[in-house]
Amino acid sequence: MHIQRMEHEDMFDTLLDIAMEVVRLLTFQPGRAPPVRRRKAPVNHSDTGPVR
């Protein structure tokens, strides 16, 4: 029973690690390369309004 529980906790730890990595990739925290934004060639034309 105890061994099985340890396996589950280990699996949960790995899932947590993966989740944290995904969050880090999505949020682009300092230490990682910032998302590349090219102002010269906007893909979305509604983005180029006077609001921005």
PDB file of N, CA and C in Angstrom:
ATOM      1  N   MET A   1       0.831  -1.196   0.000  1.00  0.00           N
ATOM      2  CA  MET A   1       0.000   0.000   0.000  1.00  0.00           C
ATOM      3  C   MET A   1       0.875   1.259   0.000  1.00  0.00           C
ATOM      4  N   HIS A   2       1.912   1.235   0.828  1.00  0.00           N
ATOM      5  CA  HIS A   2       2.783   2.402   0.957  1.00  0.00           C
ATOM      6  C   HIS A   2       3.596   2.628  -0.317  1.00  0.00           C
ATOM      7  N   ILE A   3       4.030   1.519  -0.937  1.00  0.00           N
ATOM      8  CA  ILE A   3       4.830   1.613  -2.159  1.00  0.00           C
ATOM      9  C   ILE A   3       3.986   2.220  -3.278  1.00  0.00           C
ATOM     10  N   GLN A   4       2.710   1.778  -3.363  1.00  0.00           N
ATOM     11  CA  GLN A   4       1.819   2.282  -4.397  1.00  0.00           C
ATOM     12  C   GLN A   4       1.597   3.788  -4.221  1.00  0.00           C
ATOM     13  N   ARG A   5       1.449   4.209  -2.987  1.00  0.00           N
ATOM     14  CA  ARG A   5       1.219   5.626  -2.713  1.00  0.00           C
ATOM     15  C   ARG A   5       2.437   6.458  -3.118  1.00  0.00           C
ATOM     16  N   MET A   6       3.620   5.922  -2.857  1.00  0.00           N
ATOM     17  CA  MET A   6       4.844   6.631  -3.228  1.00  0.00           C
ATOM     18  C   MET A   6       4.920   6.792  -4.753  1.00  0.00           C
ATOM     19  N   GLU A   7       4.487   5.767  -5.489  1.00  0.00           N
ATOM     20  CA  GLU A   7       4.496   5.842  -6.948  1.00  0.00           C
ATOM     21  C   GLU A   7       3.563   6.941  -7.428  1.00  0.00           C
ATOM     22  N   HIS A   8       2.396   7.026  -6.786  1.00  0.00           N
ATOM     23  CA  HIS A   8       1.424   8.047  -7.166  1.00  0.00           C
ATOM     24  C   HIS A   8       1.977   9.439  -6.896  1.00  0.00           C
ATOM     25  N   GLU A   9       2.635   9.604  -5.761  1.00  0.00           N
ATOM     26  CA  GLU A   9       3.218  10.906  -5.419  1.00  0.00           C
ATOM     27  C   GLU A   9       4.316  11.267  -6.412  1.00  0.00           C
ATOM     28  N   ASP A  10       5.086  10.258  -6.818  1.00  0.00           N
ATOM     29  CA  ASP A  10       6.158  10.482  -7.777  1.00  0.00           C
ATOM     30  C   ASP A  10       5.573  10.932  -9.116  1.00  0.00           C
ATOM     31  N   MET A  11       4.484  10.272  -9.528  1.00  0.00           N
ATOM     32  CA  MET A  11       3.824  10.614 -10.777  1.00  0.00           C
ATOM     33  C   MET A  11       3.272  12.037 -10.704  1.00  0.00           C
ATOM     34  N   PHE A  12       2.701  12.378  -9.556  1.00  0.00           N
ATOM     35  CA  PHE A  12       2.150  13.715  -9.352  1.00  0.00           C
ATOM     36  C   PHE A  12       3.253  14.764  -9.427  1.00  0.00           C
ATOM     37  N   ASP A  13       4.409  14.427  -8.870  1.00  0.00           N
ATOM     38  CA  ASP A  13       5.563  15.331  -8.914  1.00  0.00           C
ATOM     39  C   ASP A  13       5.996  15.585 -10.357  1.00  0.00           C
ATOM     40  N   THR A  14       6.019  14.514 -11.151  1.00  0.00           N
ATOM     41  CA  THR A  14       6.427  14.677 -12.548  1.00  0.00           C
ATOM     42  C   THR A  14       5.419  15.532 -13.296  1.00  0.00           C
ATOM     43  N   LEU A  15       4.126  15.294 -13.051  1.00  0.00           N
ATOM     44  CA  LEU A  15       3.084  16.091 -13.693  1.00  0.00           C
ATOM     45  C   LEU A  15       3.220  17.559 -13.299  1.00  0.00           C
ATOM     46  N   LEU A  16       3.517  17.796 -12.020  1.00  0.00           N
ATOM     47  CA  LEU A  16       3.689  19.162 -11.529  1.00  0.00           C
ATOM     48  C   LEU A  16       4.878  19.823 -12.218  1.00  0.00           C
ATOM     49  N   ASP A  17       5.960  19.075 -12.351  1.00  0.00           N
ATOM     50  CA  ASP A  17       7.156  19.603 -13.019  1.00  0.00           C
ATOM     51  C   ASP A  17       6.839  19.989 -14.461  1.00  0.00           C
ATOM     52  N   ILE A  18       6.104  19.112 -15.144  1.00  0.00           N
ATOM     53  CA  ILE A  18       5.730  19.384 -16.530  1.00  0.00           C
ATOM     54  C   ILE A  18       4.844  20.623 -16.600  1.00  0.00           C
ATOM     55  N   ALA A  19       3.875  20.711 -15.685  1.00  0.00           N
ATOM     56  CA  ALA A  19       2.970  21.859 -15.653  1.00  0.00           C
ATOM     57  C   ALA A  19       3.743  23.156 -15.425  1.00  0.00           C
ATOM     58  N   MET A  20       4.695  23.121 -14.494  1.00  0.00           N
ATOM     59  CA  MET A  20       5.497  24.304 -14.203  1.00  0.00           C
ATOM     60  C   MET A  20       6.322  24.711 -15.422  1.00  0.00           C
ATOM     61  N   GLU A  21       6.834  23.715 -16.134  1.00  0.00           N
ATOM     62  CA  GLU A  21       7.627  23.987 -17.340  1.00  0.00           C
ATOM     63  C   GLU A  21       6.757  24.641 -18.407  1.00  0.00           C
ATOM     64  N   VAL A  22       5.530  24.122 -18.566  1.00  0.00           N
ATOM     65  CA  VAL A  22       4.601  24.685 -19.550  1.00  0.00           C
ATOM     66  C   VAL A  22       4.280  26.136 -19.202  1.00  0.00           C
ATOM     67  N   VAL A  23       4.013  26.380 -17.907  1.00  0.00           N
ATOM     68  CA  VAL A  23       3.711  27.742 -17.455  1.00  0.00           C
ATOM     69  C   VAL A  23       4.898  28.663 -17.722  1.00  0.00           C
ATOM     70  N   ARG A  24       6.094  28.153 -17.452  1.00  0.00           N
ATOM     71  CA  ARG A  24       7.295  28.955 -17.672  1.00  0.00           C
ATOM     72  C   ARG A  24       7.449  29.292 -19.158  1.00  0.00           C
ATOM     73  N   LEU A  25       7.138  28.305 -20.012  1.00  0.00           N
ATOM     74  CA  LEU A  25       7.250  28.538 -21.448  1.00  0.00           C
ATOM     75  C   LEU A  25       6.209  29.549 -21.924  1.00  0.00           C
ATOM     76  N   LEU A  26       5.004  29.477 -21.346  1.00  0.00           N
ATOM     77  CA  LEU A  26       3.924  30.361 -21.785  1.00  0.00           C
ATOM     78  C   LEU A  26       4.107  31.783 -21.280  1.00  0.00           C
ATOM     79  N   THR A  27       4.636  31.930 -20.072  1.00  0.00           N
ATOM     80  CA  THR A  27       4.734  33.262 -19.476  1.00  0.00           C
ATOM     81  C   THR A  27       6.043  33.956 -19.826  1.00  0.00           C
ATOM     82  N   PHE A  28       7.015  33.235 -20.369  1.00  0.00           N
ATOM     83  CA  PHE A  28       8.302  33.807 -20.746  1.00  0.00           C
ATOM     84  C   PHE A  28       8.916  34.575 -19.586  1.00  0.00           C
ATOM     85  N   GLN A  29       9.185  33.864 -18.516  1.00  0.00           N
ATOM     86  CA  GLN A  29       9.796  34.484 -17.345  1.00  0.00           C
ATOM     87  C   GLN A  29      11.231  34.896 -17.654  1.00  0.00           C
ATOM     88  N   PRO A  30      11.752  35.867 -16.885  1.00  0.00           N
ATOM     89  CA  PRO A  30      13.147  36.274 -17.068  1.00  0.00           C
ATOM     90  C   PRO A  30      14.098  35.080 -16.962  1.00  0.00           C
ATOM     91  N   GLY A  31      15.119  35.057 -17.799  1.00  0.00           N
ATOM     92  CA  GLY A  31      16.009  33.910 -17.850  1.00  0.00           C
ATOM     93  C   GLY A  31      15.780  33.137 -19.132  1.00  0.00           C
ATOM     94  N   ARG A  32      14.599  33.341 -19.712  1.00  0.00           N
ATOM     95  CA  ARG A  32      14.302  32.729 -21.009  1.00  0.00           C
ATOM     96  C   ARG A  32      14.297  33.814 -22.084  1.00  0.00           C
ATOM     97  N   ALA A  33      14.389  33.386 -23.328  1.00  0.00           N
ATOM     98  CA  ALA A  33      14.365  34.341 -24.430  1.00  0.00           C
ATOM     99  C   ALA A  33      12.964  34.943 -24.556  1.00  0.00           C
ATOM    100  N   PRO A  34      12.879  36.259 -24.680  1.00  0.00           N
ATOM    101  CA  PRO A  34      11.571  36.909 -24.822  1.00  0.00           C
ATOM    102  C   PRO A  34      10.931  36.539 -26.155  1.00  0.00           C
ATOM    103  N   PRO A  35       9.612  36.582 -26.240  1.00  0.00           N
ATOM    104  CA  PRO A  35       8.929  36.262 -27.500  1.00  0.00           C
ATOM    105  C   PRO A  35       9.328  37.249 -28.590  1.00  0.00           C
ATOM    106  N   VAL A  36       9.548  36.741 -29.787  1.00  0.00           N
ATOM    107  CA  VAL A  36       9.991  37.599 -30.887  1.00  0.00           C
ATOM    108  C   VAL A  36       8.801  38.385 -31.436  1.00  0.00           C
ATOM    109  N   ARG A  37       8.904  39.715 -31.393  1.00  0.00           N
ATOM    110  CA  ARG A  37       7.837  40.561 -31.945  1.00  0.00           C
ATOM    111  C   ARG A  37       8.415  41.471 -33.022  1.00  0.00           C
ATOM    112  N   ARG A  38       7.953  41.294 -34.246  1.00  0.00           N
ATOM    113  CA  ARG A  38       8.439  42.133 -35.341  1.00  0.00           C
ATOM    114  C   ARG A  38       7.380  43.179 -35.663  1.00  0.00           C
ATOM    115  N   ARG A  39       7.707  44.433 -35.444  1.00  0.00           N
ATOM    116  CA  ARG A  39       6.744  45.508 -35.697  1.00  0.00           C
ATOM    117  C   ARG A  39       6.660  45.835 -37.183  1.00  0.00           C
ATOM    118  N   LYS A  40       7.696  45.479 -37.926  1.00  0.00           N
ATOM    119  CA  LYS A  40       7.740  45.830 -39.342  1.00  0.00           C
ATOM    120  C   LYS A  40       6.737  45.013 -40.156  1.00  0.00           C
ATOM    121  N   ALA A  41       6.491  43.777 -39.729  1.00  0.00           N
ATOM    122  CA  ALA A  41       5.597  42.923 -40.504  1.00  0.00           C
ATOM    123  C   ALA A  41       4.496  42.359 -39.615  1.00  0.00           C
ATOM    124  N   PRO A  42       3.483  43.175 -39.311  1.00  0.00           N
ATOM    125  CA  PRO A  42       2.376  42.691 -38.477  1.00  0.00           C
ATOM    126  C   PRO A  42       1.512  41.688 -39.237  1.00  0.00           C
ATOM    127  N   VAL A  43       1.183  40.599 -38.576  1.00  0.00           N
ATOM    128  CA  VAL A  43       0.352  39.586 -39.219  1.00  0.00           C
ATOM    129  C   VAL A  43      -1.111  39.979 -39.113  1.00  0.00           C
ATOM    130  N   ASN A  44      -1.487  40.492 -37.917  1.00  0.00           N
ATOM    131  CA  ASN A  44      -2.864  40.896 -37.673  1.00  0.00           C
ATOM    132  C   ASN A  44      -3.006  42.380 -37.975  1.00  0.00           C
ATOM    133  N   HIS A  45      -3.803  42.738 -38.981  1.00  0.00           N
ATOM    134  CA  HIS A  45      -3.910  44.138 -39.388  1.00  0.00           C
ATOM    135  C   HIS A  45      -4.731  44.960 -38.402  1.00  0.00           C
ATOM    136  N   SER A  46      -5.603  44.314 -37.635  1.00  0.00           N
ATOM    137  CA  SER A  46      -6.378  45.044 -36.629  1.00  0.00           C
ATOM    138  C   SER A  46      -5.483  45.454 -35.464  1.00  0.00           C
ATOM    139  N   ASP A  47      -4.269  44.885 -35.433  1.00  0.00           N
ATOM    140  CA  ASP A  47      -3.316  45.207 -34.371  1.00  0.00           C
ATOM    141  C   ASP A  47      -2.657  46.567 -34.586  1.00  0.00           C
ATOM    142  N   THR A  48      -2.707  47.076 -35.814  1.00  0.00           N
ATOM    143  CA  THR A  48      -1.953  48.283 -36.157  1.00  0.00           C
ATOM    144  C   THR A  48      -2.788  49.546 -35.988  1.00  0.00           C
ATOM    145  N   GLY A  49      -3.888  49.479 -35.226  1.00  0.00           N
ATOM    146  CA  GLY A  49      -4.740  50.645 -35.007  1.00  0.00           C
ATOM    147  C   GLY A  49      -4.085  51.679 -34.114  1.00  0.00           C
ATOM    148  N   PRO A  50      -4.698  52.852 -33.971  1.00  0.00           N
ATOM    149  CA  PRO A  50      -4.144  53.948 -33.162  1.00  0.00           C
ATOM    150  C   PRO A  50      -4.122  53.634 -31.667  1.00  0.00           C
ATOM    151  N   VAL A  51      -4.833  52.581 -31.257  1.00  0.00           N
ATOM    152  CA  VAL A  51      -4.867  52.216 -29.841  1.00  0.00           C
ATOM    153  C   VAL A  51      -3.488  51.788 -29.390  1.00  0.00           C
ATOM    154  N   ARG A  52      -2.777  51.036 -30.253  1.00  0.00           N
ATOM    155  CA  ARG A  52      -1.444  50.569 -29.877  1.00  0.00           C
ATOM    156  C   ARG A  52      -0.448  51.629 -30.230  1.00  0.00           C
TER     157      ARG A  52
END
